Amino acid sequence: MSETRQRFWEIDVLRGVAITMMVAYHLLFDLTFFHIYPIDLESLPVQLFLYPIGTLFLLLVGVSLTISYTRASETLTQGQLRRKFILRGLFVFAGGMVITAATWLYFREGYIVFGVLHCIGLSIILAYPLIELRMSSLFLGVVCIVSGVYLQAMVTVGFPWLLWLGFIPQNFTTLDYFPLLPWFGVVLVGIFLGHTFYTGSTRKFSLPDYSKEKTVRSVSFLGRHSLLIYFIHQPILLGLLALLTGARIF
């Protein structure tokens, strides 16, 4: 396999770190939600732990899109590329809808309407027209981030129809919320970083090869299977908590 076709182990490691942090946060959430061990999830240390998780995931979505697009464009037409990315986005978004259904059936109150998978799926589709535009992606990304921070801090509306964009309805509660503003902006910044550091689908910076080390291989494995882990980790966590603590979860 050629150098340019190999996976970049550092991207898998970062994604593995992000999925591990997400599982850890969800464990803290479950301990609190089921009154096993109360933790202040709004405390500064927990929030400082939480926000880098989504930021890292979505940055890596943008970086990976640039690499994938560059490699696919060598063999696919523009029409085939468009179809590839639309189908990929729809697949991830459909996964988000599965999570919506599952949380509605199990939790009801606060079920996930537009969570991280919804955001990633729609972002993949929306990012396609911008995927070759390095500086435009950065500019639009910053605009999206600033707009989203303003919306979440200052604007509350009386209707739910633009919830996916970042307009938060009154008395809205959810277990997971990643609106396009600001989070699509993070994906666009990731596209900028992908063009900057992986131009032409090759690494543009020097990095020692730690890919064969045991710890790196283990974390990389988690990163390569992050979507599967996202789907199965909560049932596993809940089952273990019910078994170990006797809590009434199911």
Foldseek 3Di string as FASTA:
>chain_A
DDQLPDDDLVLLLLLLVLLVLVLVLVLQVVCCVLVVDNDPCPDPVNVVSPVVSLLSVLLSLLLVLLLVLLVPVVPDDPVVSLVVQLVQLVVLLVVVVVQQVVCCVQPVAQGDDQASSNLSSVLSNVCVVVLVPQVVLLVVLVVLAVVLVCQQVPAEDCDCPQQLQRHHHPPHHHPGGDHVRNSSSSSSNSSNVNCVQQPSSHGPDDDDDPCPPPVSVVSSVCSVCVVVCVVPSVVVSQVVCCVPPVGDRD
